Amino acid sequence: DCAPELAERINKAAGKTNVAVVGTGVNPGFLM
């Protein structure tokens, strides 16, 4: 929602090389 164009660039790059990308942490990512 906040950065859809950048998100799609990462999504396409990762899909092209058949790898996954994720952002995580305790917060955001888990507790909230």
PDB file of all heavy atoms in Angstrom:
ATOM      1  N   ASP A   1       0.815  -1.216   0.000  1.00  0.00           N
ATOM      2  CA  ASP A   1       0.000   0.000   0.000  1.00  0.00           C
ATOM      3  C   ASP A   1       0.849   1.266   0.000  1.00  0.00           C
ATOM      4  O   ASP A   1       0.547   2.215  -0.713  1.00  0.00           O
ATOM      5  CB  ASP A   1      -0.935   0.010   1.217  1.00  0.00           C
ATOM      6  CG  ASP A   1      -2.059  -1.007   1.096  1.00  0.00           C
ATOM      7  OD1 ASP A   1      -2.567  -1.190  -0.024  1.00  0.00           O
ATOM      8  OD2 ASP A   1      -2.415  -1.623   2.108  1.00  0.00           O
ATOM      9  N   CYS A   2       1.914   1.270   0.798  1.00  0.00           N
ATOM     10  CA  CYS A   2       2.726   2.487   0.929  1.00  0.00           C
ATOM     11  C   CYS A   2       3.737   2.659  -0.202  1.00  0.00           C
ATOM     12  O   CYS A   2       4.098   3.779  -0.554  1.00  0.00           O
ATOM     13  CB  CYS A   2       3.459   2.476   2.270  1.00  0.00           C
ATOM     14  SG  CYS A   2       2.364   2.680   3.689  1.00  0.00           S
ATOM     15  N   ALA A   3       4.224   1.555  -0.750  1.00  0.00           N
ATOM     16  CA  ALA A   3       5.235   1.630  -1.812  1.00  0.00           C
ATOM     17  C   ALA A   3       4.983   0.543  -2.854  1.00  0.00           C
ATOM     18  O   ALA A   3       5.816  -0.336  -3.081  1.00  0.00           O
ATOM     19  CB  ALA A   3       6.640   1.481  -1.225  1.00  0.00           C
ATOM     20  N   PRO A   4       3.824   0.594  -3.523  1.00  0.00           N
ATOM     21  CA  PRO A   4       3.444  -0.488  -4.443  1.00  0.00           C
ATOM     22  C   PRO A   4       4.386  -0.665  -5.620  1.00  0.00           C
ATOM     23  O   PRO A   4       4.633  -1.805  -6.038  1.00  0.00           O
ATOM     24  CB  PRO A   4       2.034  -0.077  -4.900  1.00  0.00           C
ATOM     25  CG  PRO A   4       1.958   1.400  -4.669  1.00  0.00           C
ATOM     26  CD  PRO A   4       2.783   1.641  -3.456  1.00  0.00           C
ATOM     27  N   GLU A   5       4.909   0.429  -6.173  1.00  0.00           N
ATOM     28  CA  GLU A   5       5.802   0.304  -7.334  1.00  0.00           C
ATOM     29  C   GLU A   5       7.120  -0.367  -6.957  1.00  0.00           C
ATOM     30  O   GLU A   5       7.618  -1.234  -7.680  1.00  0.00           O
ATOM     31  CB  GLU A   5       6.059   1.685  -7.937  1.00  0.00           C
ATOM     32  CG  GLU A   5       4.819   2.308  -8.570  1.00  0.00           C
ATOM     33  CD  GLU A   5       5.115   3.660  -9.197  1.00  0.00           C
ATOM     34  OE1 GLU A   5       6.301   4.078  -9.191  1.00  0.00           O
ATOM     35  OE2 GLU A   5       4.167   4.301  -9.701  1.00  0.00           O
ATOM     36  N   LEU A   6       7.680   0.016  -5.818  1.00  0.00           N
ATOM     37  CA  LEU A   6       8.927  -0.599  -5.357  1.00  0.00           C
ATOM     38  C   LEU A   6       8.681  -2.064  -4.984  1.00  0.00           C
ATOM     39  O   LEU A   6       9.520  -2.934  -5.261  1.00  0.00           O
ATOM     40  CB  LEU A   6       9.485   0.169  -4.162  1.00  0.00           C
ATOM     41  CG  LEU A   6       9.929   1.612  -4.434  1.00  0.00           C
ATOM     42  CD1 LEU A   6      10.391   2.279  -3.152  1.00  0.00           C
ATOM     43  CD2 LEU A   6      11.039   1.652  -5.482  1.00  0.00           C
ATOM     44  N   ALA A   7       7.539  -2.326  -4.366  1.00  0.00           N
ATOM     45  CA  ALA A   7       7.198  -3.702  -4.005  1.00  0.00           C
ATOM     46  C   ALA A   7       7.114  -4.586  -5.248  1.00  0.00           C
ATOM     47  O   ALA A   7       7.605  -5.720  -5.253  1.00  0.00           O
ATOM     48  CB  ALA A   7       5.881  -3.733  -3.238  1.00  0.00           C
ATOM     49  N   GLU A   8       6.517  -4.058  -6.297  1.00  0.00           N
ATOM     50  CA  GLU A   8       6.383  -4.843  -7.527  1.00  0.00           C
ATOM     51  C   GLU A   8       7.730  -5.062  -8.197  1.00  0.00           C
ATOM     52  O   GLU A   8       7.975  -6.128  -8.793  1.00  0.00           O
ATOM     53  CB  GLU A   8       5.409  -4.157  -8.479  1.00  0.00           C
ATOM     54  CG  GLU A   8       5.070  -4.985  -9.719  1.00  0.00           C
ATOM     55  CD  GLU A   8       4.537  -6.373  -9.392  1.00  0.00           C
ATOM     56  OE1 GLU A   8       3.892  -6.542  -8.342  1.00  0.00           O
ATOM     57  OE2 GLU A   8       4.802  -7.303 -10.198  1.00  0.00           O
ATOM     58  N   ARG A   9       8.622  -4.084  -8.125  1.00  0.00           N
ATOM     59  CA  ARG A   9       9.970  -4.256  -8.681  1.00  0.00           C
ATOM     60  C   ARG A   9      10.694  -5.404  -7.985  1.00  0.00           C
ATOM     61  O   ARG A   9      11.317  -6.255  -8.637  1.00  0.00           O
ATOM     62  CB  ARG A   9      10.778  -2.970  -8.516  1.00  0.00           C
ATOM     63  CG  ARG A   9      10.426  -1.866  -9.499  1.00  0.00           C
ATOM     64  CD  ARG A   9      11.246  -0.620  -9.226  1.00  0.00           C
ATOM     65  NE  ARG A   9      12.686  -0.887  -9.324  1.00  0.00           N
ATOM     66  CZ  ARG A   9      13.621  -0.035  -8.914  1.00  0.00           C
ATOM     67  NH1 ARG A   9      13.270   1.112  -8.364  1.00  0.00           N
ATOM     68  NH2 ARG A   9      14.895  -0.349  -9.051  1.00  0.00           N
ATOM     69  N   ILE A  10      10.599  -5.444  -6.660  1.00  0.00           N
ATOM     70  CA  ILE A  10      11.228  -6.531  -5.898  1.00  0.00           C
ATOM     71  C   ILE A  10      10.562  -7.855  -6.231  1.00  0.00           C
ATOM     72  O   ILE A  10      11.228  -8.880  -6.426  1.00  0.00           O
ATOM     73  CB  ILE A  10      11.134  -6.248  -4.382  1.00  0.00           C
ATOM     74  CG1 ILE A  10      11.987  -5.030  -4.014  1.00  0.00           C
ATOM     75  CG2 ILE A  10      11.576  -7.473  -3.582  1.00  0.00           C
ATOM     76  CD1 ILE A  10      11.818  -4.578  -2.570  1.00  0.00           C
ATOM     77  N   ASN A  11       9.238  -7.842  -6.306  1.00  0.00           N
ATOM     78  CA  ASN A  11       8.498  -9.065  -6.596  1.00  0.00           C
ATOM     79  C   ASN A  11       8.909  -9.665  -7.948  1.00  0.00           C
ATOM     80  O   ASN A  11       9.134 -10.871  -8.057  1.00  0.00           O
ATOM     81  CB  ASN A  11       7.003  -8.759  -6.587  1.00  0.00           C
ATOM     82  CG  ASN A  11       6.149  -9.993  -6.761  1.00  0.00           C
ATOM     83  OD1 ASN A  11       6.329 -10.990  -6.075  1.00  0.00           O
ATOM     84  ND2 ASN A  11       5.204  -9.926  -7.690  1.00  0.00           N
ATOM     85  N   LYS A  12       9.024  -8.818  -8.951  1.00  0.00           N
ATOM     86  CA  LYS A  12       9.410  -9.297 -10.281  1.00  0.00           C
ATOM     87  C   LYS A  12      10.853  -9.797 -10.307  1.00  0.00           C
ATOM     88  O   LYS A  12      11.156 -10.827 -10.923  1.00  0.00           O
ATOM     89  CB  LYS A  12       9.220  -8.185 -11.312  1.00  0.00           C
ATOM     90  CG  LYS A  12       7.763  -7.896 -11.646  1.00  0.00           C
ATOM     91  CD  LYS A  12       7.652  -6.830 -12.725  1.00  0.00           C
ATOM     92  CE  LYS A  12       6.191  -6.586 -13.110  1.00  0.00           C
ATOM     93  NZ  LYS A  12       6.064  -5.537 -14.151  1.00  0.00           N
ATOM     94  N   ALA A  13      11.745  -9.072  -9.642  1.00  0.00           N
ATOM     95  CA  ALA A  13      13.157  -9.481  -9.619  1.00  0.00           C
ATOM     96  C   ALA A  13      13.321 -10.827  -8.926  1.00  0.00           C
ATOM     97  O   ALA A  13      14.069 -11.697  -9.388  1.00  0.00           O
ATOM     98  CB  ALA A  13      13.996  -8.413  -8.913  1.00  0.00           C
ATOM     99  N   ALA A  14      12.611 -11.006  -7.817  1.00  0.00           N
ATOM    100  CA  ALA A  14      12.703 -12.268  -7.083  1.00  0.00           C
ATOM    101  C   ALA A  14      12.072 -13.412  -7.865  1.00  0.00           C
ATOM    102  O   ALA A  14      12.595 -14.535  -7.899  1.00  0.00           O
ATOM    103  CB  ALA A  14      12.040 -12.127  -5.721  1.00  0.00           C
ATOM    104  N   GLY A  15      10.952 -13.125  -8.511  1.00  0.00           N
ATOM    105  CA  GLY A  15      10.299 -14.160  -9.312  1.00  0.00           C
ATOM    106  C   GLY A  15      11.150 -14.590 -10.487  1.00  0.00           C
ATOM    107  O   GLY A  15      11.153 -15.762 -10.864  1.00  0.00           O
ATOM    108  N   LYS A  16      11.865 -13.629 -11.066  1.00  0.00           N
ATOM    109  CA  LYS A  16      12.712 -13.922 -12.230  1.00  0.00           C
ATOM    110  C   LYS A  16      13.808 -14.920 -11.907  1.00  0.00           C
ATOM    111  O   LYS A  16      14.158 -15.767 -12.723  1.00  0.00           O
ATOM    112  CB  LYS A  16      13.310 -12.624 -12.756  1.00  0.00           C
ATOM    113  CG  LYS A  16      14.116 -12.775 -14.036  1.00  0.00           C
ATOM    114  CD  LYS A  16      14.617 -11.420 -14.513  1.00  0.00           C
ATOM    115  CE  LYS A  16      15.442 -11.551 -15.790  1.00  0.00           C
ATOM    116  NZ  LYS A  16      15.940 -10.213 -16.257  1.00  0.00           N
ATOM    117  N   THR A  17      14.363 -14.840 -10.694  1.00  0.00           N
ATOM    118  CA  THR A  17      15.445 -15.756 -10.299  1.00  0.00           C
ATOM    119  C   THR A  17      14.948 -16.873  -9.382  1.00  0.00           C
ATOM    120  O   THR A  17      15.745 -17.606  -8.799  1.00  0.00           O
ATOM    121  CB  THR A  17      16.583 -14.984  -9.608  1.00  0.00           C
ATOM    122  OG1 THR A  17      16.047 -14.229  -8.515  1.00  0.00           O
ATOM    123  CG2 THR A  17      17.286 -14.059 -10.585  1.00  0.00           C
ATOM    124  N   ASN A  18      13.616 -16.941  -9.210  1.00  0.00           N
ATOM    125  CA  ASN A  18      13.002 -18.060  -8.489  1.00  0.00           C
ATOM    126  C   ASN A  18      13.379 -18.099  -7.016  1.00  0.00           C
ATOM    127  O   ASN A  18      13.632 -19.160  -6.445  1.00  0.00           O
ATOM    128  CB  ASN A  18      13.370 -19.394  -9.154  1.00  0.00           C
ATOM    129  CG  ASN A  18      12.386 -20.498  -8.805  1.00  0.00           C
ATOM    130  OD1 ASN A  18      11.180 -20.268  -8.708  1.00  0.00           O
ATOM    131  ND2 ASN A  18      12.896 -21.708  -8.600  1.00  0.00           N
ATOM    132  N   VAL A  19      13.420 -16.906  -6.378  1.00  0.00           N
ATOM    133  CA  VAL A  19      13.706 -16.840  -4.953  1.00  0.00           C
ATOM    134  C   VAL A  19      12.611 -16.042  -4.253  1.00  0.00           C
ATOM    135  O   VAL A  19      11.851 -15.310  -4.880  1.00  0.00           O
ATOM    136  CB  VAL A  19      15.081 -16.200  -4.664  1.00  0.00           C
ATOM    137  CG1 VAL A  19      16.199 -17.042  -5.268  1.00  0.00           C
ATOM    138  CG2 VAL A  19      15.137 -14.755  -5.169  1.00  0.00           C
ATOM    139  N   ALA A  20      12.542 -16.182  -2.936  1.00  0.00           N
ATOM    140  CA  ALA A  20      11.559 -15.452  -2.138  1.00  0.00           C
ATOM    141  C   ALA A  20      12.260 -14.382  -1.306  1.00  0.00           C
ATOM    142  O   ALA A  20      13.421 -14.522  -0.922  1.00  0.00           O
ATOM    143  CB  ALA A  20      10.797 -16.404  -1.227  1.00  0.00           C
ATOM    144  N   VAL A  21      11.519 -13.307  -1.024  1.00  0.00           N
ATOM    145  CA  VAL A  21      12.006 -12.190  -0.211  1.00  0.00           C
ATOM    146  C   VAL A  21      10.948 -11.883   0.844  1.00  0.00           C
ATOM    147  O   VAL A  21       9.758 -11.856   0.537  1.00  0.00           O
ATOM    148  CB  VAL A  21      12.249 -10.937  -1.077  1.00  0.00           C
ATOM    149  CG1 VAL A  21      12.627  -9.743  -0.201  1.00  0.00           C
ATOM    150  CG2 VAL A  21      13.311 -11.189  -2.127  1.00  0.00           C
ATOM    151  N   VAL A  22      11.374 -11.629   2.074  1.00  0.00           N
ATOM    152  CA  VAL A  22      10.420 -11.278   3.118  1.00  0.00           C
ATOM    153  C   VAL A  22      11.036 -10.261   4.068  1.00  0.00           C
ATOM    154  O   VAL A  22      12.237 -10.275   4.322  1.00  0.00           O
ATOM    155  CB  VAL A  22       9.961 -12.525   3.913  1.00  0.00           C
ATOM    156  CG1 VAL A  22      11.065 -13.050   4.833  1.00  0.00           C
ATOM    157  CG2 VAL A  22       8.700 -12.232   4.721  1.00  0.00           C
ATOM    158  N   GLY A  23      10.184  -9.366   4.570  1.00  0.00           N
ATOM    159  CA  GLY A  23      10.572  -8.446   5.623  1.00  0.00           C
ATOM    160  C   GLY A  23       9.951  -8.908   6.927  1.00  0.00           C
ATOM    161  O   GLY A  23       8.764  -9.225   6.980  1.00  0.00           O
ATOM    162  N   THR A  24      10.761  -8.994   7.973  1.00  0.00           N
ATOM    163  CA  THR A  24      10.251  -9.498   9.242  1.00  0.00           C
ATOM    164  C   THR A  24      10.910  -8.779  10.405  1.00  0.00           C
ATOM    165  O   THR A  24      11.720  -7.875  10.238  1.00  0.00           O
ATOM    166  CB  THR A  24      10.455 -11.016   9.361  1.00  0.00           C
ATOM    167  OG1 THR A  24       9.715 -11.502  10.489  1.00  0.00           O
ATOM    168  CG2 THR A  24      11.927 -11.378   9.527  1.00  0.00           C
ATOM    169  N   GLY A  25      10.554  -9.181  11.600  1.00  0.00           N
ATOM    170  CA  GLY A  25      11.065  -8.591  12.828  1.00  0.00           C
ATOM    171  C   GLY A  25      10.057  -8.855  13.918  1.00  0.00           C
ATOM    172  O   GLY A  25       9.022  -9.487  13.693  1.00  0.00           O
ATOM    173  N   VAL A  26      10.337  -8.352  15.100  1.00  0.00           N
ATOM    174  CA  VAL A  26       9.377  -8.549  16.180  1.00  0.00           C
ATOM    175  C   VAL A  26       8.188  -7.610  16.027  1.00  0.00           C
ATOM    176  O   VAL A  26       7.061  -7.946  16.346  1.00  0.00           O
ATOM    177  CB  VAL A  26      10.062  -8.376  17.562  1.00  0.00           C
ATOM    178  CG1 VAL A  26      10.557  -6.946  17.764  1.00  0.00           C
ATOM    179  CG2 VAL A  26       9.122  -8.767  18.680  1.00  0.00           C
ATOM    180  N   ASN A  27       8.446  -6.406  15.482  1.00  0.00           N
ATOM    181  CA  ASN A  27       7.382  -5.418  15.336  1.00  0.00           C
ATOM    182  C   ASN A  27       7.852  -4.312  14.400  1.00  0.00           C
ATOM    183  O   ASN A  27       8.651  -3.478  14.798  1.00  0.00           O
ATOM    184  CB  ASN A  27       7.040  -4.834  16.709  1.00  0.00           C
ATOM    185  CG  ASN A  27       5.955  -3.784  16.642  1.00  0.00           C
ATOM    186  OD1 ASN A  27       5.070  -3.865  15.810  1.00  0.00           O
ATOM    187  ND2 ASN A  27       6.046  -2.782  17.497  1.00  0.00           N
ATOM    188  N   PRO A  28       7.404  -4.311  13.149  1.00  0.00           N
ATOM    189  CA  PRO A  28       6.422  -5.215  12.545  1.00  0.00           C
ATOM    190  C   PRO A  28       7.011  -6.598  12.245  1.00  0.00           C
ATOM    191  O   PRO A  28       8.215  -6.782  12.286  1.00  0.00           O
ATOM    192  CB  PRO A  28       6.046  -4.498  11.255  1.00  0.00           C
ATOM    193  CG  PRO A  28       7.285  -3.748  10.885  1.00  0.00           C
ATOM    194  CD  PRO A  28       7.877  -3.281  12.185  1.00  0.00           C
ATOM    195  N   GLY A  29       6.116  -7.518  11.950  1.00  0.00           N
ATOM    196  CA  GLY A  29       6.519  -8.870  11.604  1.00  0.00           C
ATOM    197  C   GLY A  29       5.901  -9.928  12.491  1.00  0.00           C
ATOM    198  O   GLY A  29       5.685 -11.061  12.073  1.00  0.00           O
ATOM    199  N   PHE A  30       5.576  -9.551  13.749  1.00  0.00           N
ATOM    200  CA  PHE A  30       5.041 -10.564  14.649  1.00  0.00           C
ATOM    201  C   PHE A  30       4.037  -9.994  15.652  1.00  0.00           C
ATOM    202  O   PHE A  30       2.845 -10.231  15.554  1.00  0.00           O
ATOM    203  CB  PHE A  30       6.174 -11.270  15.391  1.00  0.00           C
ATOM    204  CG  PHE A  30       5.715 -12.356  16.326  1.00  0.00           C
ATOM    205  CD1 PHE A  30       5.176 -13.531  15.830  1.00  0.00           C
ATOM    206  CD2 PHE A  30       5.805 -12.183  17.699  1.00  0.00           C
ATOM    207  CE1 PHE A  30       4.726 -14.530  16.694  1.00  0.00           C
ATOM    208  CE2 PHE A  30       5.365 -13.174  18.572  1.00  0.00           C
ATOM    209  CZ  PHE A  30       4.830 -14.352  18.067  1.00  0.00           C
ATOM    210  N   LEU A  31       4.511  -9.214  16.645  1.00  0.00           N
ATOM    211  CA  LEU A  31       3.677  -8.880  17.791  1.00  0.00           C
ATOM    212  C   LEU A  31       2.433  -8.069  17.466  1.00  0.00           C
ATOM    213  O   LEU A  31       1.386  -8.245  18.109  1.00  0.00           O
ATOM    214  CB  LEU A  31       4.511  -8.133  18.842  1.00  0.00           C
ATOM    215  CG  LEU A  31       5.461  -9.004  19.662  1.00  0.00           C
ATOM    216  CD1 LEU A  31       6.357  -8.136  20.528  1.00  0.00           C
ATOM    217  CD2 LEU A  31       4.683  -9.981  20.538  1.00  0.00           C
ATOM    218  N   MET A  32       2.537  -7.159  16.499  1.00  0.00           N
ATOM    219  CA  MET A  32       1.397  -6.283  16.230  1.00  0.00           C
ATOM    220  C   MET A  32       0.733  -6.568  14.890  1.00  0.00           C
ATOM    221  O   MET A  32      -0.052  -5.750  14.403  1.00  0.00           O
ATOM    222  CB  MET A  32       1.834  -4.816  16.308  1.00  0.00           C
ATOM    223  CG  MET A  32       2.400  -4.438  17.666  1.00  0.00           C
ATOM    224  SD  MET A  32       2.757  -2.668  17.880  1.00  0.00           S
ATOM    225  CE  MET A  32       1.169  -2.084  18.501  1.00  0.00           C
TER     226      MET A  32
END
